[in-house]
Each structure stands twice: as C-alpha cells, then as structure tokens.
Protein backbone atom coordinates (compact mmCIF):
# COMPACT_ATOMS: atom_id res chain seq x y z
CA MET A 1 11.41 -61.60 -10.24
CA PHE A 2 7.85 -60.26 -10.13
CA PHE A 3 6.46 -57.07 -12.17
CA ASN A 4 2.96 -55.77 -12.05
CA LEU A 5 1.44 -54.74 -15.41
CA LYS A 6 0.44 -51.33 -14.05
CA ASP A 7 4.18 -50.57 -14.03
CA CYS A 8 5.85 -52.00 -16.94
CA SER A 9 8.90 -49.72 -17.02
CA PRO A 10 11.44 -52.41 -16.63
CA LEU A 11 10.47 -53.65 -20.04
CA ASN A 12 10.64 -50.21 -21.77
CA SER A 13 13.92 -49.57 -19.79
CA VAL A 14 15.02 -52.93 -21.36
CA LYS A 15 13.43 -52.24 -24.70
CA LYS A 16 15.16 -49.05 -24.93
CA VAL A 17 18.80 -50.28 -24.97
CA ASN A 18 20.64 -50.64 -28.33
CA ASN A 19 22.97 -53.39 -27.68
CA PRO A 20 21.77 -55.08 -24.49
CA SER A 21 23.78 -57.71 -22.93
CA LYS A 22 22.91 -61.53 -22.52
CA GLU A 23 22.02 -60.91 -18.78
CA LEU A 24 19.71 -58.10 -19.86
CA LEU A 25 18.09 -60.19 -22.88
CA LYS A 26 17.35 -62.79 -20.00
CA ALA A 27 15.84 -60.13 -17.91
CA LYS A 28 13.72 -59.15 -20.77
CA GLN A 29 12.91 -62.79 -21.21
CA ILE A 30 11.75 -63.17 -17.71
CA ILE A 31 10.11 -59.81 -17.70
CA LEU A 32 7.71 -60.89 -20.92
CA TYR A 33 7.32 -64.30 -19.48
CA ASN A 34 5.89 -63.01 -15.98
CA LEU A 35 3.64 -60.08 -17.77
CA GLY A 36 2.00 -63.43 -19.66
CA THR A 37 1.17 -65.35 -16.29
CA GLN A 38 -0.38 -62.09 -15.16
CA GLU A 39 -2.47 -61.93 -18.10
CA PHE A 40 -2.88 -65.44 -18.16
CA GLU A 41 -4.42 -65.44 -14.33
CA LYS A 42 -6.54 -62.60 -15.62
CA LYS A 43 -8.02 -64.92 -18.42
CA GLU A 44 -6.40 -62.41 -21.16
CA TYR A 45 -5.59 -65.45 -23.15
CA SER A 46 -4.70 -63.31 -26.15
CA LYS A 47 -2.74 -60.84 -24.44
CA ALA A 48 -0.91 -63.74 -22.34
CA LYS A 49 -0.02 -65.73 -25.67
CA ASN A 50 1.32 -62.76 -27.13
CA TYR A 51 3.72 -62.01 -24.04
CA PHE A 52 4.73 -65.89 -23.98
CA THR A 53 5.65 -65.80 -27.73
CA GLN A 54 7.65 -62.72 -27.38
CA SER A 55 9.48 -64.12 -24.22
CA ILE A 56 9.90 -67.42 -26.65
CA ASN A 57 11.26 -65.61 -29.32
CA VAL A 58 14.17 -63.42 -27.09
CA GLY A 59 16.13 -66.64 -27.52
CA ASP A 60 17.82 -69.13 -25.08
CA TYR A 61 18.54 -66.92 -22.45
CA SER A 62 17.03 -68.57 -19.74
CA THR A 63 15.86 -72.25 -21.10
CA ASP A 64 13.71 -72.72 -17.99
CA ILE A 65 11.40 -69.44 -18.73
CA LYS A 66 11.47 -70.34 -22.47
CA ALA A 67 10.31 -74.16 -21.31
CA LYS A 68 7.58 -72.20 -18.98
CA ALA A 69 6.41 -69.68 -22.03
CA TYR A 70 6.07 -72.76 -24.17
CA LEU A 71 4.13 -74.42 -21.71
CA TRP A 72 1.79 -71.79 -20.92
CA ARG A 73 1.35 -70.76 -24.25
CA GLY A 74 0.51 -74.64 -25.00
CA GLU A 75 -2.29 -74.04 -22.63
CA VAL A 76 -3.67 -70.98 -24.34
CA ASN A 77 -3.34 -72.44 -27.71
CA TYR A 78 -5.74 -75.41 -25.85
CA ILE A 79 -8.06 -73.03 -24.41
CA PHE A 80 -8.62 -71.66 -27.83
CA LYS A 81 -8.87 -75.11 -29.29
CA ASN A 82 -6.08 -74.78 -31.28
CA TYR A 83 -4.81 -78.20 -30.41
CA SER A 84 -2.01 -79.05 -33.13
CA GLN A 85 -0.38 -75.87 -31.98
CA ALA A 86 -0.97 -76.65 -28.34
CA GLU A 87 0.64 -80.11 -29.10
CA SER A 88 3.65 -78.41 -30.83
CA ASP A 89 4.21 -76.02 -27.58
CA PHE A 90 3.81 -79.01 -25.31
CA LYS A 91 6.62 -81.17 -26.91
CA LYS A 92 8.96 -78.15 -27.08
CA HIS A 93 8.36 -77.24 -23.81
CA ILE A 94 9.27 -81.16 -22.63
CA SER A 95 12.12 -81.22 -24.85
CA LEU A 96 13.95 -78.01 -23.26
CA LEU A 97 13.80 -79.90 -19.82
CA LYS A 98 15.94 -82.43 -18.37
CA GLN A 99 13.04 -83.89 -15.83
CA PRO A 100 9.94 -82.64 -17.21
CA GLU A 101 6.94 -82.25 -14.68
CA ALA A 102 4.02 -85.19 -14.72
CA ASN A 103 1.72 -82.83 -15.67
CA SER A 104 3.63 -81.80 -19.00
CA PHE A 105 2.23 -85.38 -20.39
CA TYR A 106 -0.95 -84.70 -19.33
CA SER A 107 -1.31 -81.92 -21.13
CA LEU A 108 0.45 -83.26 -24.12
CA GLY A 109 -1.97 -86.23 -23.76
CA TYR A 110 -5.06 -84.08 -24.16
CA ALA A 111 -3.71 -82.26 -27.13
CA PHE A 112 -3.11 -85.66 -29.00
CA PHE A 113 -6.52 -86.64 -27.41
CA MET A 114 -8.69 -83.70 -28.67
CA GLN A 115 -7.08 -84.43 -32.28
CA ASN A 116 -8.16 -88.02 -32.28
CA ILE A 117 -4.56 -89.25 -31.99
CA TYR A 118 -5.28 -91.98 -29.50
CA SER A 119 -2.37 -93.87 -29.61
CA GLU A 120 -0.17 -90.96 -29.09
CA ALA A 121 -2.35 -89.67 -26.31
CA GLU A 122 -2.77 -93.01 -24.70
CA LYS A 123 1.34 -93.02 -24.50
CA GLN A 124 1.87 -89.76 -22.71
CA PHE A 125 -1.21 -90.31 -20.21
CA THR A 126 0.73 -93.54 -19.36
CA LYS A 127 4.06 -91.15 -18.90
CA TYR A 128 1.75 -89.08 -16.75
CA ILE A 129 0.45 -92.10 -14.58
CA ALA A 130 3.97 -93.45 -14.34
CA LYS A 131 5.63 -89.94 -12.69
CA ASN A 132 2.33 -88.79 -10.69
CA THR A 133 2.08 -90.92 -7.77
CA LYS A 134 0.24 -87.96 -5.53
CA ASP A 135 -2.84 -86.18 -7.08
CA LYS A 136 -5.34 -89.38 -7.11
CA ALA A 137 -8.26 -87.09 -8.77
CA VAL A 138 -5.96 -86.33 -11.80
CA ARG A 139 -4.11 -89.78 -11.82
CA ALA A 140 -7.75 -91.16 -12.13
CA ASP A 141 -8.39 -88.76 -14.85
CA ALA A 142 -5.39 -89.96 -17.00
CA TYR A 143 -6.36 -93.43 -16.34
CA ASN A 144 -9.90 -92.72 -17.56
CA ARG A 145 -8.29 -91.10 -20.84
CA LYS A 146 -6.09 -94.17 -20.84
CA GLY A 147 -9.11 -96.11 -21.01
CA ASP A 148 -10.85 -93.85 -23.75
CA CYS A 149 -7.78 -94.15 -26.28
CA LEU A 150 -7.52 -97.64 -25.62
CA TYR A 151 -11.40 -98.28 -26.51
CA MET A 152 -11.26 -95.96 -29.55
CA MET A 153 -8.47 -98.10 -30.46
CA LYS A 154 -10.53 -101.47 -29.71
CA SER A 155 -8.25 -102.74 -27.17
CA TYR A 156 -11.50 -103.59 -24.86
CA THR A 157 -9.57 -105.49 -22.56
CA ASN A 158 -6.80 -103.03 -21.93
CA ALA A 159 -9.34 -100.16 -21.82
CA ILE A 160 -11.47 -101.98 -19.09
CA LYS A 161 -8.21 -102.30 -17.04
CA ALA A 162 -7.57 -98.53 -17.08
CA TYR A 163 -11.05 -97.98 -16.07
CA SER A 164 -11.03 -100.28 -13.36
CA GLU A 165 -7.49 -98.79 -12.15
CA ALA A 166 -9.58 -95.20 -12.00
CA GLU A 167 -11.99 -96.41 -10.16
CA LYS A 168 -9.66 -98.02 -7.43
CA LEU A 169 -7.99 -94.30 -7.23
CA TYR A 170 -10.64 -92.20 -7.17
CA ASN A 171 -14.67 -93.10 -6.24
CA LEU A 172 -15.67 -90.42 -8.24
CA SER A 173 -14.33 -91.63 -11.24
CA ALA A 174 -16.23 -94.67 -10.66
CA ASP A 175 -19.61 -93.37 -12.44
CA TYR A 176 -17.37 -93.03 -15.63
CA SER A 177 -15.80 -96.40 -15.48
CA LEU A 178 -18.84 -97.94 -14.93
CA TYR A 179 -20.49 -96.28 -17.67
CA MET A 180 -17.87 -97.36 -20.29
C-alpha cells in the first residue's frame, strides 16, 4: 500500500468514519506509517516523527507496522540527538518482533553508545555482529564500536581483538583500528 502525500484523501476518508472497524483502523495505521516514511525520505523529520507517533497511537492493529513505526521514530529521535528516546523506541521495536533484523541491534547499540552506556552498547553490537554476516563494512563498524566500548570499559585486550576483527573484515577500517 503506497499513498502519495499530494493525495491524502485515504487518510481524510478514514478520519471521517465515526466508529471505524478494525480493518479500517489497520488501514489508518498503515497510511500514517507510509506518510511518515515519505516525510523521512524528504528529510522532513519533524513531520515524519508526527506521522510515526500517530501510527503507533492507532493501536495494535498491525504489529509489523507498529514495530516499523517505532524503528523509524527511533531513527528520527537519533537524528535529533534525543538518544534516550531513540533507545526506548528501538527497544519497543525489538520487543514487538519475533525475529528482529540485525540492524535493530545496531541502531540500539548506537543509541546506548551516544549516551556513554558502553556495557549495553557492547551487548547490542555483539548481537548485531552475530546476526549480520553479509554487510562487511557495517559489520566492521560494529566491531570498531564494540572495541570502543570495551576500551572505555578498560577491557583493553578484548578491545584490541574487536579492532582486529574489524581490520580483517574491511580494510577501510584498518586505519581506525590501527589508530586505536
């Protein structure tokens, strides 16, 4: 389902119904989510956040859409440097899914990292590394961030191991890893 912002009539039509059915509320949740992603793509982050929040607040009509709305609202909060709210949204996203994608843990790891909560950040980067075997560049970055966390926790030997893994995975990470 994809709606263009120039034609918000589906949303307007849904809003006019006094006692909407579950199916109509699910459609409203999807429409609001899609409007949020369109605004996000245009870098209209405040508008996107508003749509994601509205989509979440519709209720539990589509767990998948609600989980995605939390993920994207978390991304907006991260962009706005509201790391604790991003953390909360990423956690809610993960809790709603039976099999969260690897990137969910990566995003949550960064939210913790930016709050200097290194032990939790390290756990999330480790989860990401375990789940992601394809994207070498991002996996190397996760190893570098894991190394940073371990370094900040004064676990220097383990930090060196993490930096070494990053270097093995992706040569462009070698400069960073060697610098540390």
